[in-house]
Amino acid sequence: MESRYELIIYWSHDDQRFIVEIPELPGCMADGASYQEAVKNTETIIAEWLDTAQALGRPIPEPAGRLMYA
C-alpha cells in the first residue's frame, strides 16, 4: 500500500519509541522501536483506519499533501 497522507514522526523519550501521527486521519497513530519499523507499522494502521471508516460509512479524507502548522 502506498499512502499519500502526511506523517509526523518523532522520538518519544517517555516511550523509548518513534511515534507517527497522521493528522488527516483523526486518532490514527503508530509506533516502532526504529524509524523504519514505525513507518512500516503506519502503513498497516492507515489501511486499518481506512477499512474501518469505510465499514462504518464515515467520510475518508483525501490526502491534502503538505499541511502547514505555523
N, C-alpha and C. Protein backbone atom coordinates (compact mmCIF):
# COMPACT_ATOMS: atom_id res chain seq x y z
N MET A 1 0.84 -1.18 0.00
CA MET A 1 0.00 0.00 0.00
C MET A 1 0.88 1.24 0.00
N GLU A 2 0.52 2.21 -0.79
CA GLU A 2 1.25 3.47 -0.81
C GLU A 2 0.32 4.57 -0.35
N SER A 3 0.61 5.12 0.80
CA SER A 3 -0.20 6.18 1.37
C SER A 3 0.34 7.53 0.95
N ARG A 4 -0.54 8.47 0.77
CA ARG A 4 -0.13 9.83 0.43
C ARG A 4 -0.46 10.81 1.56
N TYR A 5 -0.80 10.27 2.72
CA TYR A 5 -1.10 11.13 3.87
C TYR A 5 0.19 11.61 4.52
N GLU A 6 0.13 12.81 5.06
CA GLU A 6 1.28 13.37 5.75
C GLU A 6 1.54 12.60 7.04
N LEU A 7 2.83 12.34 7.32
CA LEU A 7 3.23 11.68 8.55
C LEU A 7 4.06 12.64 9.38
N ILE A 8 3.79 12.67 10.66
CA ILE A 8 4.63 13.42 11.60
C ILE A 8 5.31 12.36 12.46
N ILE A 9 6.65 12.32 12.41
CA ILE A 9 7.42 11.28 13.09
C ILE A 9 8.34 11.94 14.10
N TYR A 10 8.32 11.43 15.34
CA TYR A 10 9.20 11.99 16.38
C TYR A 10 9.57 10.89 17.37
N TRP A 11 10.66 11.13 18.07
CA TRP A 11 11.13 10.21 19.10
C TRP A 11 10.47 10.56 20.43
N SER A 12 9.92 9.57 21.12
CA SER A 12 9.34 9.76 22.44
C SER A 12 10.31 9.23 23.49
N HIS A 13 10.85 10.15 24.30
CA HIS A 13 11.76 9.73 25.37
C HIS A 13 11.01 8.90 26.41
N ASP A 14 9.75 9.26 26.67
CA ASP A 14 8.96 8.53 27.66
C ASP A 14 8.72 7.08 27.24
N ASP A 15 8.41 6.87 25.97
CA ASP A 15 8.09 5.54 25.47
C ASP A 15 9.30 4.81 24.91
N GLN A 16 10.38 5.55 24.64
CA GLN A 16 11.57 4.99 24.01
C GLN A 16 11.23 4.34 22.66
N ARG A 17 10.40 5.06 21.89
CA ARG A 17 9.96 4.58 20.58
C ARG A 17 9.74 5.77 19.67
N PHE A 18 9.78 5.51 18.36
CA PHE A 18 9.38 6.51 17.39
C PHE A 18 7.85 6.50 17.32
N ILE A 19 7.26 7.67 17.34
CA ILE A 19 5.81 7.83 17.25
C ILE A 19 5.49 8.47 15.91
N VAL A 20 4.43 7.98 15.26
CA VAL A 20 3.99 8.53 13.98
C VAL A 20 2.54 8.95 14.12
N GLU A 21 2.27 10.20 13.81
CA GLU A 21 0.90 10.71 13.79
C GLU A 21 0.51 10.99 12.34
N ILE A 22 -0.75 10.71 12.02
CA ILE A 22 -1.28 11.00 10.69
C ILE A 22 -2.40 12.02 10.90
N PRO A 23 -2.08 13.32 10.83
CA PRO A 23 -3.04 14.36 11.22
C PRO A 23 -4.34 14.38 10.44
N GLU A 24 -4.32 13.91 9.20
CA GLU A 24 -5.55 13.93 8.38
C GLU A 24 -6.53 12.83 8.76
N LEU A 25 -6.06 11.84 9.52
CA LEU A 25 -6.91 10.73 9.94
C LEU A 25 -7.01 10.77 11.47
N PRO A 26 -8.05 11.38 12.02
CA PRO A 26 -8.15 11.58 13.46
C PRO A 26 -7.94 10.29 14.26
N GLY A 27 -7.05 10.38 15.24
CA GLY A 27 -6.78 9.25 16.12
C GLY A 27 -5.85 8.21 15.54
N CYS A 28 -5.38 8.40 14.33
CA CYS A 28 -4.54 7.41 13.65
C CYS A 28 -3.08 7.67 14.02
N MET A 29 -2.50 6.70 14.75
CA MET A 29 -1.11 6.79 15.19
C MET A 29 -0.49 5.41 15.17
N ALA A 30 0.83 5.38 15.08
CA ALA A 30 1.58 4.12 15.15
C ALA A 30 2.89 4.40 15.86
N ASP A 31 3.62 3.34 16.16
CA ASP A 31 4.94 3.50 16.77
C ASP A 31 5.84 2.37 16.32
N GLY A 32 7.11 2.49 16.70
CA GLY A 32 8.08 1.45 16.39
C GLY A 32 9.38 1.70 17.11
N ALA A 33 10.14 0.64 17.32
CA ALA A 33 11.43 0.76 18.00
C ALA A 33 12.45 1.45 17.12
N SER A 34 12.29 1.37 15.80
CA SER A 34 13.17 2.07 14.87
C SER A 34 12.29 2.96 13.97
N TYR A 35 12.95 3.89 13.31
CA TYR A 35 12.26 4.77 12.38
C TYR A 35 11.56 3.93 11.30
N GLN A 36 12.30 2.97 10.73
CA GLN A 36 11.76 2.13 9.66
C GLN A 36 10.58 1.30 10.14
N GLU A 37 10.67 0.75 11.35
CA GLU A 37 9.57 -0.04 11.90
C GLU A 37 8.34 0.83 12.11
N ALA A 38 8.54 2.05 12.59
CA ALA A 38 7.41 2.95 12.82
C ALA A 38 6.69 3.26 11.51
N VAL A 39 7.45 3.53 10.46
CA VAL A 39 6.84 3.83 9.16
C VAL A 39 6.11 2.60 8.62
N LYS A 40 6.73 1.44 8.73
CA LYS A 40 6.08 0.20 8.27
C LYS A 40 4.77 -0.05 9.03
N ASN A 41 4.80 0.13 10.35
CA ASN A 41 3.59 -0.04 11.16
C ASN A 41 2.51 0.96 10.76
N THR A 42 2.93 2.15 10.35
CA THR A 42 1.99 3.18 9.93
C THR A 42 1.20 2.74 8.71
N GLU A 43 1.85 2.07 7.77
CA GLU A 43 1.15 1.59 6.58
C GLU A 43 0.00 0.66 6.96
N THR A 44 0.24 -0.21 7.93
CA THR A 44 -0.80 -1.13 8.40
C THR A 44 -1.93 -0.38 9.09
N ILE A 45 -1.56 0.56 9.95
CA ILE A 45 -2.56 1.30 10.72
C ILE A 45 -3.43 2.16 9.80
N ILE A 46 -2.83 2.80 8.80
CA ILE A 46 -3.61 3.60 7.85
C ILE A 46 -4.61 2.72 7.12
N ALA A 47 -4.18 1.56 6.65
CA ALA A 47 -5.09 0.64 5.94
C ALA A 47 -6.24 0.23 6.85
N GLU A 48 -5.94 -0.08 8.10
CA GLU A 48 -7.00 -0.47 9.05
C GLU A 48 -7.94 0.70 9.33
N TRP A 49 -7.39 1.91 9.47
CA TRP A 49 -8.22 3.09 9.72
C TRP A 49 -9.18 3.29 8.55
N LEU A 50 -8.66 3.22 7.32
CA LEU A 50 -9.49 3.43 6.13
C LEU A 50 -10.55 2.33 6.00
N ASP A 51 -10.20 1.09 6.26
CA ASP A 51 -11.16 -0.03 6.21
C ASP A 51 -12.28 0.17 7.22
N THR A 52 -11.91 0.58 8.43
CA THR A 52 -12.90 0.79 9.48
C THR A 52 -13.83 1.95 9.13
N ALA A 53 -13.27 3.06 8.66
CA ALA A 53 -14.09 4.20 8.28
C ALA A 53 -15.07 3.82 7.18
N GLN A 54 -14.59 3.08 6.19
CA GLN A 54 -15.46 2.65 5.09
C GLN A 54 -16.58 1.74 5.61
N ALA A 55 -16.23 0.80 6.49
CA ALA A 55 -17.23 -0.13 7.03
C ALA A 55 -18.30 0.59 7.84
N LEU A 56 -17.90 1.69 8.51
CA LEU A 56 -18.85 2.46 9.33
C LEU A 56 -19.56 3.56 8.54
N GLY A 57 -19.22 3.68 7.26
CA GLY A 57 -19.86 4.70 6.42
C GLY A 57 -19.38 6.11 6.72
N ARG A 58 -18.20 6.23 7.29
CA ARG A 58 -17.65 7.55 7.61
C ARG A 58 -16.87 8.10 6.42
N PRO A 59 -16.81 9.42 6.31
CA PRO A 59 -16.06 10.01 5.19
C PRO A 59 -14.57 9.73 5.31
N ILE A 60 -13.94 9.52 4.18
CA ILE A 60 -12.50 9.29 4.14
C ILE A 60 -11.86 10.51 3.49
N PRO A 61 -11.03 11.22 4.26
CA PRO A 61 -10.41 12.43 3.71
C PRO A 61 -9.43 12.11 2.58
N GLU A 62 -9.41 12.97 1.59
CA GLU A 62 -8.41 12.86 0.53
C GLU A 62 -7.09 13.38 1.09
N PRO A 63 -5.97 12.76 0.73
CA PRO A 63 -4.69 13.30 1.16
C PRO A 63 -4.52 14.73 0.65
N ALA A 64 -4.16 15.63 1.55
CA ALA A 64 -4.07 17.04 1.20
C ALA A 64 -2.65 17.46 0.81
N GLY A 65 -1.71 16.58 0.97
CA GLY A 65 -0.33 16.99 0.71
C GLY A 65 0.24 17.63 1.96
N ARG A 66 1.20 18.49 1.80
CA ARG A 66 1.86 19.10 2.94
C ARG A 66 0.90 20.02 3.69
N LEU A 67 0.80 19.80 4.99
CA LEU A 67 -0.03 20.64 5.84
C LEU A 67 0.86 21.70 6.49
N MET A 68 0.34 22.86 6.70
CA MET A 68 1.10 23.95 7.31
C MET A 68 0.59 24.24 8.72
N TYR A 69 1.49 24.25 9.69
CA TYR A 69 1.12 24.47 11.09
C TYR A 69 1.90 25.62 11.72
N ALA A 70 2.01 26.74 11.11
CA ALA A 70 2.81 27.81 11.71
C ALA A 70 1.98 28.89 12.29
